[in-house]
Amino acid sequence: MTLSDVQRQNIHQELQAQLMWRTSQLDDLKAQMEYEGADRQTALADLAATDRIIAEIGQSLQRLADGTYGVCLDCGAQVPFDRLKIRPLARFCMTCQLRNEMR
């Protein structure tokens, strides 16, 4: 089952909202780095994690644009919309996700 136009639009809006929020978060983290006394190691880890999530959002938006969003990257099965609605960055069906977590 492929995503309907309404489902694709909902996911697109959610991903765009996450991208805006994470970009704002990244700007805040960069500003915190300028303060003396900031825990630089923690701040760098937070910056790297936020940057990684922004990249994942960008990849999800690209897959949405090219029609491959919602297809499991391991087995090629459709990822259920209910899973995508809860976790828009999901790249795997539940079976493959669980298998990857076991590794």
PDB file of N, CA and C in Angstrom:
ATOM      1  N   MET A   1       0.833  -1.171   0.000  1.00  0.00           N
ATOM      2  CA  MET A   1       0.000   0.000   0.000  1.00  0.00           C
ATOM      3  C   MET A   1       0.886   1.246   0.000  1.00  0.00           C
ATOM      4  N   THR A   2       0.738   2.097  -0.964  1.00  0.00           N
ATOM      5  CA  THR A   2       1.519   3.322  -1.022  1.00  0.00           C
ATOM      6  C   THR A   2       0.791   4.431  -0.268  1.00  0.00           C
ATOM      7  N   LEU A   3       1.494   5.481   0.019  1.00  0.00           N
ATOM      8  CA  LEU A   3       0.914   6.605   0.746  1.00  0.00           C
ATOM      9  C   LEU A   3      -0.016   7.399  -0.169  1.00  0.00           C
ATOM     10  N   SER A   4      -1.127   7.834   0.390  1.00  0.00           N
ATOM     11  CA  SER A   4      -2.043   8.692  -0.359  1.00  0.00           C
ATOM     12  C   SER A   4      -1.461  10.102  -0.424  1.00  0.00           C
ATOM     13  N   ASP A   5      -2.028  10.934  -1.278  1.00  0.00           N
ATOM     14  CA  ASP A   5      -1.563  12.318  -1.378  1.00  0.00           C
ATOM     15  C   ASP A   5      -1.726  13.048  -0.045  1.00  0.00           C
ATOM     16  N   VAL A   6      -2.823  12.792   0.647  1.00  0.00           N
ATOM     17  CA  VAL A   6      -3.063  13.432   1.946  1.00  0.00           C
ATOM     18  C   VAL A   6      -2.018  12.967   2.961  1.00  0.00           C
ATOM     19  N   GLN A   7      -1.716  11.677   2.974  1.00  0.00           N
ATOM     20  CA  GLN A   7      -0.708  11.151   3.897  1.00  0.00           C
ATOM     21  C   GLN A   7       0.662  11.742   3.582  1.00  0.00           C
ATOM     22  N   ARG A   8       0.994  11.817   2.300  1.00  0.00           N
ATOM     23  CA  ARG A   8       2.281  12.396   1.896  1.00  0.00           C
ATOM     24  C   ARG A   8       2.368  13.861   2.330  1.00  0.00           C
ATOM     25  N   GLN A   9       1.277  14.587   2.172  1.00  0.00           N
ATOM     26  CA  GLN A   9       1.254  16.002   2.565  1.00  0.00           C
ATOM     27  C   GLN A   9       1.416  16.135   4.081  1.00  0.00           C
ATOM     28  N   ASN A  10       0.736  15.282   4.843  1.00  0.00           N
ATOM     29  CA  ASN A  10       0.867  15.310   6.306  1.00  0.00           C
ATOM     30  C   ASN A  10       2.299  15.031   6.736  1.00  0.00           C
ATOM     31  N   ILE A  11       2.900  14.024   6.135  1.00  0.00           N
ATOM     32  CA  ILE A  11       4.293  13.684   6.457  1.00  0.00           C
ATOM     33  C   ILE A  11       5.212  14.840   6.066  1.00  0.00           C
ATOM     34  N   HIS A  12       4.995  15.409   4.901  1.00  0.00           N
ATOM     35  CA  HIS A  12       5.821  16.527   4.432  1.00  0.00           C
ATOM     36  C   HIS A  12       5.749  17.693   5.420  1.00  0.00           C
ATOM     37  N   GLN A  13       4.552  18.026   5.867  1.00  0.00           N
ATOM     38  CA  GLN A  13       4.386  19.118   6.823  1.00  0.00           C
ATOM     39  C   GLN A  13       5.089  18.804   8.140  1.00  0.00           C
ATOM     40  N   GLU A  14       4.973  17.578   8.599  1.00  0.00           N
ATOM     41  CA  GLU A  14       5.631  17.172   9.843  1.00  0.00           C
ATOM     42  C   GLU A  14       7.152  17.256   9.703  1.00  0.00           C
ATOM     43  N   LEU A  15       7.683  16.769   8.591  1.00  0.00           N
ATOM     44  CA  LEU A  15       9.133  16.826   8.377  1.00  0.00           C
ATOM     45  C   LEU A  15       9.618  18.270   8.283  1.00  0.00           C
ATOM     46  N   GLN A  16       8.859  19.128   7.609  1.00  0.00           N
ATOM     47  CA  GLN A  16       9.238  20.544   7.507  1.00  0.00           C
ATOM     48  C   GLN A  16       9.230  21.206   8.880  1.00  0.00           C
ATOM     49  N   ALA A  17       8.228  20.885   9.709  1.00  0.00           N
ATOM     50  CA  ALA A  17       8.163  21.444  11.060  1.00  0.00           C
ATOM     51  C   ALA A  17       9.353  20.970  11.890  1.00  0.00           C
ATOM     52  N   GLN A  18       9.692  19.683  11.775  1.00  0.00           N
ATOM     53  CA  GLN A  18      10.854  19.157  12.502  1.00  0.00           C
ATOM     54  C   GLN A  18      12.136  19.832  12.025  1.00  0.00           C
ATOM     55  N   LEU A  19      12.244  20.044  10.716  1.00  0.00           N
ATOM     56  CA  LEU A  19      13.441  20.685  10.172  1.00  0.00           C
ATOM     57  C   LEU A  19      13.585  22.101  10.718  1.00  0.00           C
ATOM     58  N   MET A  20      12.500  22.856  10.751  1.00  0.00           N
ATOM     59  CA  MET A  20      12.552  24.223  11.286  1.00  0.00           C
ATOM     60  C   MET A  20      12.939  24.215  12.759  1.00  0.00           C
ATOM     61  N   TRP A  21      12.339  23.298  13.537  1.00  0.00           N
ATOM     62  CA  TRP A  21      12.636  23.226  14.965  1.00  0.00           C
ATOM     63  C   TRP A  21      14.092  22.834  15.192  1.00  0.00           C
ATOM     64  N   ARG A  22      14.563  21.826  14.477  1.00  0.00           N
ATOM     65  CA  ARG A  22      15.949  21.362  14.660  1.00  0.00           C
ATOM     66  C   ARG A  22      16.958  22.407  14.198  1.00  0.00           C
ATOM     67  N   THR A  23      16.638  23.143  13.146  1.00  0.00           N
ATOM     68  CA  THR A  23      17.535  24.201  12.685  1.00  0.00           C
ATOM     69  C   THR A  23      17.636  25.297  13.739  1.00  0.00           C
ATOM     70  N   SER A  24      16.509  25.645  14.341  1.00  0.00           N
ATOM     71  CA  SER A  24      16.506  26.619  15.430  1.00  0.00           C
ATOM     72  C   SER A  24      17.313  26.098  16.614  1.00  0.00           C
ATOM     73  N   GLN A  25      17.143  24.822  16.924  1.00  0.00           N
ATOM     74  CA  GLN A  25      17.892  24.193  18.010  1.00  0.00           C
ATOM     75  C   GLN A  25      19.391  24.251  17.722  1.00  0.00           C
ATOM     76  N   LEU A  26      19.767  23.989  16.471  1.00  0.00           N
ATOM     77  CA  LEU A  26      21.178  24.030  16.092  1.00  0.00           C
ATOM     78  C   LEU A  26      21.742  25.440  16.278  1.00  0.00           C
ATOM     79  N   ASP A  27      20.975  26.444  15.882  1.00  0.00           N
ATOM     80  CA  ASP A  27      21.416  27.833  16.074  1.00  0.00           C
ATOM     81  C   ASP A  27      21.615  28.146  17.551  1.00  0.00           C
ATOM     82  N   ASP A  28      20.679  27.675  18.396  1.00  0.00           N
ATOM     83  CA  ASP A  28      20.800  27.889  19.841  1.00  0.00           C
ATOM     84  C   ASP A  28      22.045  27.203  20.404  1.00  0.00           C
ATOM     85  N   LEU A  29      22.302  25.997  19.942  1.00  0.00           N
ATOM     86  CA  LEU A  29      23.486  25.270  20.414  1.00  0.00           C
ATOM     87  C   LEU A  29      24.768  25.974  19.996  1.00  0.00           C
ATOM     88  N   LYS A  30      24.786  26.493  18.789  1.00  0.00           N
ATOM     89  CA  LYS A  30      25.972  27.232  18.331  1.00  0.00           C
ATOM     90  C   LYS A  30      26.185  28.484  19.177  1.00  0.00           C
ATOM     91  N   ALA A  31      25.099  29.159  19.532  1.00  0.00           N
ATOM     92  CA  ALA A  31      25.203  30.349  20.376  1.00  0.00           C
ATOM     93  C   ALA A  31      25.735  29.984  21.760  1.00  0.00           C
ATOM     94  N   GLN A  32      25.310  28.830  22.284  1.00  0.00           N
ATOM     95  CA  GLN A  32      25.785  28.385  23.594  1.00  0.00           C
ATOM     96  C   GLN A  32      27.287  28.120  23.570  1.00  0.00           C
ATOM     97  N   MET A  33      27.792  27.680  22.442  1.00  0.00           N
ATOM     98  CA  MET A  33      29.224  27.373  22.316  1.00  0.00           C
ATOM     99  C   MET A  33      30.068  28.625  22.508  1.00  0.00           C
ATOM    100  N   GLU A  34      29.490  29.791  22.254  1.00  0.00           N
ATOM    101  CA  GLU A  34      30.238  31.033  22.356  1.00  0.00           C
ATOM    102  C   GLU A  34      30.459  31.471  23.798  1.00  0.00           C
ATOM    103  N   TYR A  35      29.641  30.968  24.720  1.00  0.00           N
ATOM    104  CA  TYR A  35      29.769  31.346  26.124  1.00  0.00           C
ATOM    105  C   TYR A  35      30.925  30.605  26.764  1.00  0.00           C
ATOM    106  N   GLU A  36      31.744  31.365  27.478  1.00  0.00           N
ATOM    107  CA  GLU A  36      32.781  30.707  28.270  1.00  0.00           C
ATOM    108  C   GLU A  36      32.092  29.953  29.383  1.00  0.00           C
ATOM    109  N   GLY A  37      32.634  28.898  29.791  1.00  0.00           N
ATOM    110  CA  GLY A  37      32.031  28.122  30.857  1.00  0.00           C
ATOM    111  C   GLY A  37      31.048  27.080  30.339  1.00  0.00           C
ATOM    112  N   ALA A  38      30.735  27.140  29.065  1.00  0.00           N
ATOM    113  CA  ALA A  38      29.856  26.111  28.506  1.00  0.00           C
ATOM    114  C   ALA A  38      30.631  24.796  28.473  1.00  0.00           C
ATOM    115  N   ASP A  39      29.966  23.735  28.769  1.00  0.00           N
ATOM    116  CA  ASP A  39      30.595  22.415  28.707  1.00  0.00           C
ATOM    117  C   ASP A  39      30.789  22.081  27.231  1.00  0.00           C
ATOM    118  N   ARG A  40      31.974  22.317  26.738  1.00  0.00           N
ATOM    119  CA  ARG A  40      32.240  22.202  25.302  1.00  0.00           C
ATOM    120  C   ARG A  40      32.040  20.780  24.794  1.00  0.00           C
ATOM    121  N   GLN A  41      32.418  19.795  25.566  1.00  0.00           N
ATOM    122  CA  GLN A  41      32.284  18.415  25.109  1.00  0.00           C
ATOM    123  C   GLN A  41      30.805  18.054  24.946  1.00  0.00           C
ATOM    124  N   THR A  42      29.983  18.427  25.920  1.00  0.00           N
ATOM    125  CA  THR A  42      28.549  18.162  25.825  1.00  0.00           C
ATOM    126  C   THR A  42      27.939  18.958  24.686  1.00  0.00           C
ATOM    127  N   ALA A  43      28.339  20.215  24.562  1.00  0.00           N
ATOM    128  CA  ALA A  43      27.808  21.069  23.502  1.00  0.00           C
ATOM    129  C   ALA A  43      28.173  20.516  22.125  1.00  0.00           C
ATOM    130  N   LEU A  44      29.404  20.046  21.969  1.00  0.00           N
ATOM    131  CA  LEU A  44      29.818  19.459  20.686  1.00  0.00           C
ATOM    132  C   LEU A  44      29.028  18.198  20.370  1.00  0.00           C
ATOM    133  N   ALA A  45      28.781  17.377  21.382  1.00  0.00           N
ATOM    134  CA  ALA A  45      27.983  16.160  21.183  1.00  0.00           C
ATOM    135  C   ALA A  45      26.554  16.520  20.782  1.00  0.00           C
ATOM    136  N   ASP A  46      25.978  17.522  21.443  1.00  0.00           N
ATOM    137  CA  ASP A  46      24.624  17.975  21.102  1.00  0.00           C
ATOM    138  C   ASP A  46      24.573  18.541  19.690  1.00  0.00           C
ATOM    139  N   LEU A  47      25.602  19.310  19.322  1.00  0.00           N
ATOM    140  CA  LEU A  47      25.678  19.857  17.960  1.00  0.00           C
ATOM    141  C   LEU A  47      25.730  18.734  16.928  1.00  0.00           C
ATOM    142  N   ALA A  48      26.566  17.745  17.178  1.00  0.00           N
ATOM    143  CA  ALA A  48      26.709  16.630  16.234  1.00  0.00           C
ATOM    144  C   ALA A  48      25.403  15.848  16.115  1.00  0.00           C
ATOM    145  N   ALA A  49      24.735  15.600  17.242  1.00  0.00           N
ATOM    146  CA  ALA A  49      23.474  14.852  17.211  1.00  0.00           C
ATOM    147  C   ALA A  49      22.397  15.631  16.461  1.00  0.00           C
ATOM    148  N   THR A  50      22.307  16.920  16.724  1.00  0.00           N
ATOM    149  CA  THR A  50      21.308  17.745  16.041  1.00  0.00           C
ATOM    150  C   THR A  50      21.609  17.825  14.550  1.00  0.00           C
ATOM    151  N   ASP A  51      22.862  17.973  14.200  1.00  0.00           N
ATOM    152  CA  ASP A  51      23.250  18.010  12.787  1.00  0.00           C
ATOM    153  C   ASP A  51      22.906  16.700  12.080  1.00  0.00           C
ATOM    154  N   ARG A  52      23.098  15.575  12.775  1.00  0.00           N
ATOM    155  CA  ARG A  52      22.770  14.262  12.210  1.00  0.00           C
ATOM    156  C   ARG A  52      21.264  14.142  11.963  1.00  0.00           C
ATOM    157  N   ILE A  53      20.470  14.626  12.912  1.00  0.00           N
ATOM    158  CA  ILE A  53      19.021  14.552  12.754  1.00  0.00           C
ATOM    159  C   ILE A  53      18.560  15.444  11.601  1.00  0.00           C
ATOM    160  N   ILE A  54      19.166  16.610  11.467  1.00  0.00           N
ATOM    161  CA  ILE A  54      18.826  17.494  10.344  1.00  0.00           C
ATOM    162  C   ILE A  54      19.134  16.787   9.023  1.00  0.00           C
ATOM    163  N   ALA A  55      20.261  16.082   8.963  1.00  0.00           N
ATOM    164  CA  ALA A  55      20.602  15.327   7.750  1.00  0.00           C
ATOM    165  C   ALA A  55      19.572  14.226   7.487  1.00  0.00           C
ATOM    166  N   GLU A  56      19.132  13.527   8.540  1.00  0.00           N
ATOM    167  CA  GLU A  56      18.118  12.475   8.385  1.00  0.00           C
ATOM    168  C   GLU A  56      16.799  13.057   7.870  1.00  0.00           C
ATOM    169  N   ILE A  57      16.434  14.229   8.384  1.00  0.00           N
ATOM    170  CA  ILE A  57      15.210  14.879   7.911  1.00  0.00           C
ATOM    171  C   ILE A  57      15.350  15.223   6.437  1.00  0.00           C
ATOM    172  N   GLY A  58      16.502  15.754   6.054  1.00  0.00           N
ATOM    173  CA  GLY A  58      16.747  16.073   4.646  1.00  0.00           C
ATOM    174  C   GLY A  58      16.660  14.844   3.758  1.00  0.00           C
ATOM    175  N   GLN A  59      17.201  13.719   4.229  1.00  0.00           N
ATOM    176  CA  GLN A  59      17.126  12.473   3.466  1.00  0.00           C
ATOM    177  C   GLN A  59      15.681  11.997   3.346  1.00  0.00           C
ATOM    178  N   SER A  60      14.913  12.142   4.425  1.00  0.00           N
ATOM    179  CA  SER A  60      13.496  11.749   4.386  1.00  0.00           C
ATOM    180  C   SER A  60      12.729  12.621   3.401  1.00  0.00           C
ATOM    181  N   LEU A  61      12.997  13.924   3.413  1.00  0.00           N
ATOM    182  CA  LEU A  61      12.338  14.822   2.459  1.00  0.00           C
ATOM    183  C   LEU A  61      12.716  14.460   1.021  1.00  0.00           C
ATOM    184  N   GLN A  62      13.980  14.084   0.809  1.00  0.00           N
ATOM    185  CA  GLN A  62      14.411  13.686  -0.531  1.00  0.00           C
ATOM    186  C   GLN A  62      13.714  12.413  -0.974  1.00  0.00           C
ATOM    187  N   ARG A  63      13.609  11.423  -0.062  1.00  0.00           N
ATOM    188  CA  ARG A  63      12.897  10.184  -0.398  1.00  0.00           C
ATOM    189  C   ARG A  63      11.420  10.459  -0.668  1.00  0.00           C
ATOM    190  N   LEU A  64      10.846  11.409   0.070  1.00  0.00           N
ATOM    191  CA  LEU A  64       9.451  11.787  -0.162  1.00  0.00           C
ATOM    192  C   LEU A  64       9.302  12.390  -1.554  1.00  0.00           C
ATOM    193  N   ALA A  65      10.252  13.220  -1.947  1.00  0.00           N
ATOM    194  CA  ALA A  65      10.211  13.859  -3.269  1.00  0.00           C
ATOM    195  C   ALA A  65      10.415  12.859  -4.402  1.00  0.00           C
ATOM    196  N   ASP A  66      11.279  11.874  -4.195  1.00  0.00           N
ATOM    197  CA  ASP A  66      11.557  10.935  -5.290  1.00  0.00           C
ATOM    198  C   ASP A  66      10.686   9.677  -5.259  1.00  0.00           C
ATOM    199  N   GLY A  67       9.756   9.626  -4.280  1.00  0.00           N
ATOM    200  CA  GLY A  67       8.794   8.527  -4.257  1.00  0.00           C
ATOM    201  C   GLY A  67       9.248   7.271  -3.555  1.00  0.00           C
ATOM    202  N   THR A  68      10.386   7.320  -2.865  1.00  0.00           N
ATOM    203  CA  THR A  68      10.872   6.129  -2.169  1.00  0.00           C
ATOM    204  C   THR A  68      10.627   6.193  -0.666  1.00  0.00           C
ATOM    205  N   TYR A  69      10.025   7.280  -0.190  1.00  0.00           N
ATOM    206  CA  TYR A  69       9.720   7.417   1.233  1.00  0.00           C
ATOM    207  C   TYR A  69       8.674   6.372   1.617  1.00  0.00           C
ATOM    208  N   GLY A  70       8.850   5.760   2.780  1.00  0.00           N
ATOM    209  CA  GLY A  70       7.894   4.768   3.252  1.00  0.00           C
ATOM    210  C   GLY A  70       8.184   3.370   2.758  1.00  0.00           C
ATOM    211  N   VAL A  71       9.324   3.201   2.085  1.00  0.00           N
ATOM    212  CA  VAL A  71       9.758   1.886   1.622  1.00  0.00           C
ATOM    213  C   VAL A  71      10.949   1.487   2.486  1.00  0.00           C
ATOM    214  N   CYS A  72      10.876   0.312   3.090  1.00  0.00           N
ATOM    215  CA  CYS A  72      11.945  -0.174   3.962  1.00  0.00           C
ATOM    216  C   CYS A  72      13.259  -0.247   3.184  1.00  0.00           C
ATOM    217  N   LEU A  73      14.301   0.335   3.762  1.00  0.00           N
ATOM    218  CA  LEU A  73      15.612   0.339   3.102  1.00  0.00           C
ATOM    219  C   LEU A  73      16.266  -1.028   3.083  1.00  0.00           C
ATOM    220  N   ASP A  74      15.817  -1.956   3.935  1.00  0.00           N
ATOM    221  CA  ASP A  74      16.396  -3.303   3.949  1.00  0.00           C
ATOM    222  C   ASP A  74      15.655  -4.259   3.016  1.00  0.00           C
ATOM    223  N   CYS A  75      14.353  -4.398   3.231  1.00  0.00           N
ATOM    224  CA  CYS A  75      13.616  -5.440   2.500  1.00  0.00           C
ATOM    225  C   CYS A  75      12.730  -4.906   1.368  1.00  0.00           C
ATOM    226  N   GLY A  76      12.525  -3.598   1.310  1.00  0.00           N
ATOM    227  CA  GLY A  76      11.713  -3.013   0.250  1.00  0.00           C
ATOM    228  C   GLY A  76      10.215  -3.045   0.506  1.00  0.00           C
ATOM    229  N   ALA A  77       9.803  -3.524   1.677  1.00  0.00           N
ATOM    230  CA  ALA A  77       8.372  -3.553   2.010  1.00  0.00           C
ATOM    231  C   ALA A  77       7.894  -2.145   2.352  1.00  0.00           C
ATOM    232  N   GLN A  78       6.592  -1.920   2.221  1.00  0.00           N
ATOM    233  CA  GLN A  78       5.997  -0.646   2.614  1.00  0.00           C
ATOM    234  C   GLN A  78       6.024  -0.524   4.129  1.00  0.00           C
ATOM    235  N   VAL A  79       6.458   0.614   4.618  1.00  0.00           N
ATOM    236  CA  VAL A  79       6.398   0.901   6.042  1.00  0.00           C
ATOM    237  C   VAL A  79       4.998   1.451   6.298  1.00  0.00           C
ATOM    238  N   PRO A  80       4.255   0.872   7.235  1.00  0.00           N
ATOM    239  CA  PRO A  80       2.883   1.321   7.483  1.00  0.00           C
ATOM    240  C   PRO A  80       2.812   2.805   7.847  1.00  0.00           C
ATOM    241  N   PHE A  81       1.770   3.460   7.358  1.00  0.00           N
ATOM    242  CA  PHE A  81       1.591   4.889   7.627  1.00  0.00           C
ATOM    243  C   PHE A  81       1.528   5.163   9.129  1.00  0.00           C
ATOM    244  N   ASP A  82       0.899   4.282   9.886  1.00  0.00           N
ATOM    245  CA  ASP A  82       0.816   4.491  11.335  1.00  0.00           C
ATOM    246  C   ASP A  82       2.208   4.592  11.959  1.00  0.00           C
ATOM    247  N   ARG A  83       3.141   3.805  11.472  1.00  0.00           N
ATOM    248  CA  ARG A  83       4.529   3.893  11.963  1.00  0.00           C
ATOM    249  C   ARG A  83       5.163   5.206  11.523  1.00  0.00           C
ATOM    250  N   LEU A  84       4.950   5.583  10.276  1.00  0.00           N
ATOM    251  CA  LEU A  84       5.536   6.819   9.759  1.00  0.00           C
ATOM    252  C   LEU A  84       4.946   8.044  10.447  1.00  0.00           C
ATOM    253  N   LYS A  85       3.667   7.967  10.784  1.00  0.00           N
ATOM    254  CA  LYS A  85       3.010   9.079  11.459  1.00  0.00           C
ATOM    255  C   LYS A  85       3.639   9.304  12.838  1.00  0.00           C
ATOM    256  N   ILE A  86       3.947   8.221  13.521  1.00  0.00           N
ATOM    257  CA  ILE A  86       4.557   8.306  14.850  1.00  0.00           C
ATOM    258  C   ILE A  86       6.044   8.648  14.746  1.00  0.00           C
ATOM    259  N   ARG A  87       6.711   8.055  13.768  1.00  0.00           N
ATOM    260  CA  ARG A  87       8.157   8.236  13.589  1.00  0.00           C
ATOM    261  C   ARG A  87       8.447   8.543  12.121  1.00  0.00           C
ATOM    262  N   PRO A  88       8.294   9.816  11.733  1.00  0.00           N
ATOM    263  CA  PRO A  88       8.459  10.174  10.315  1.00  0.00           C
ATOM    264  C   PRO A  88       9.847   9.877   9.740  1.00  0.00           C
ATOM    265  N   LEU A  89      10.837   9.716  10.607  1.00  0.00           N
ATOM    266  CA  LEU A  89      12.190   9.417  10.125  1.00  0.00           C
ATOM    267  C   LEU A  89      12.449   7.922   9.989  1.00  0.00           C
ATOM    268  N   ALA A  90      11.423   7.105  10.242  1.00  0.00           N
ATOM    269  CA  ALA A  90      11.594   5.652  10.148  1.00  0.00           C
ATOM    270  C   ALA A  90      12.042   5.272   8.740  1.00  0.00           C
ATOM    271  N   ARG A  91      13.087   4.460   8.686  1.00  0.00           N
ATOM    272  CA  ARG A  91      13.618   4.008   7.393  1.00  0.00           C
ATOM    273  C   ARG A  91      13.382   2.529   7.160  1.00  0.00           C
ATOM    274  N   PHE A  92      12.915   1.839   8.203  1.00  0.00           N
ATOM    275  CA  PHE A  92      12.759   0.393   8.120  1.00  0.00           C
ATOM    276  C   PHE A  92      11.373  -0.025   8.593  1.00  0.00           C
ATOM    277  N   CYS A  93      10.891  -1.146   8.057  1.00  0.00           N
ATOM    278  CA  CYS A  93       9.680  -1.759   8.599  1.00  0.00           C
ATOM    279  C   CYS A  93      10.030  -2.276   9.992  1.00  0.00           C
ATOM    280  N   MET A  94       9.041  -2.655  10.774  1.00  0.00           N
ATOM    281  CA  MET A  94       9.302  -3.094  12.149  1.00  0.00           C
ATOM    282  C   MET A  94      10.176  -4.344  12.194  1.00  0.00           C
ATOM    283  N   THR A  95       9.956  -5.273  11.280  1.00  0.00           N
ATOM    284  CA  THR A  95      10.756  -6.500  11.277  1.00  0.00           C
ATOM    285  C   THR A  95      12.233  -6.182  11.079  1.00  0.00           C
ATOM    286  N   CYS A  96      12.533  -5.356  10.091  1.00  0.00           N
ATOM    287  CA  CYS A  96      13.932  -4.999   9.818  1.00  0.00           C
ATOM    288  C   CYS A  96      14.496  -4.100  10.916  1.00  0.00           C
ATOM    289  N   GLN A  97      13.666  -3.206  11.471  1.00  0.00           N
ATOM    290  CA  GLN A  97      14.114  -2.357  12.572  1.00  0.00           C
ATOM    291  C   GLN A  97      14.556  -3.205  13.755  1.00  0.00           C
ATOM    292  N   LEU A  98      13.722  -4.174  14.125  1.00  0.00           N
ATOM    293  CA  LEU A  98      14.068  -5.053  15.247  1.00  0.00           C
ATOM    294  C   LEU A  98      15.328  -5.854  14.951  1.00  0.00           C
ATOM    295  N   ARG A  99      15.451  -6.343  13.720  1.00  0.00           N
ATOM    296  CA  ARG A  99      16.644  -7.100  13.341  1.00  0.00           C
ATOM    297  C   ARG A  99      17.886  -6.214  13.434  1.00  0.00           C
ATOM    298  N   ASN A 100      17.794  -4.969  12.982  1.00  0.00           N
ATOM    299  CA  ASN A 100      18.935  -4.048  13.048  1.00  0.00           C
ATOM    300  C   ASN A 100      19.299  -3.710  14.484  1.00  0.00           C
ATOM    301  N   GLU A 101      18.293  -3.610  15.359  1.00  0.00           N
ATOM    302  CA  GLU A 101      18.579  -3.305  16.761  1.00  0.00           C
ATOM    303  C   GLU A 101      19.258  -4.463  17.477  1.00  0.00           C
ATOM    304  N   MET A 102      19.034  -5.673  16.996  1.00  0.00           N
ATOM    305  CA  MET A 102      19.619  -6.866  17.616  1.00  0.00           C
ATOM    306  C   MET A 102      21.104  -6.993  17.286  1.00  0.00           C
ATOM    307  N   ARG A 103      21.556  -6.342  16.235  1.00  0.00           N
ATOM    308  CA  ARG A 103      22.961  -6.458  15.800  1.00  0.00           C
ATOM    309  C   ARG A 103      23.907  -5.809  16.739  1.00  0.00           C
TER     310      ARG A 103
END
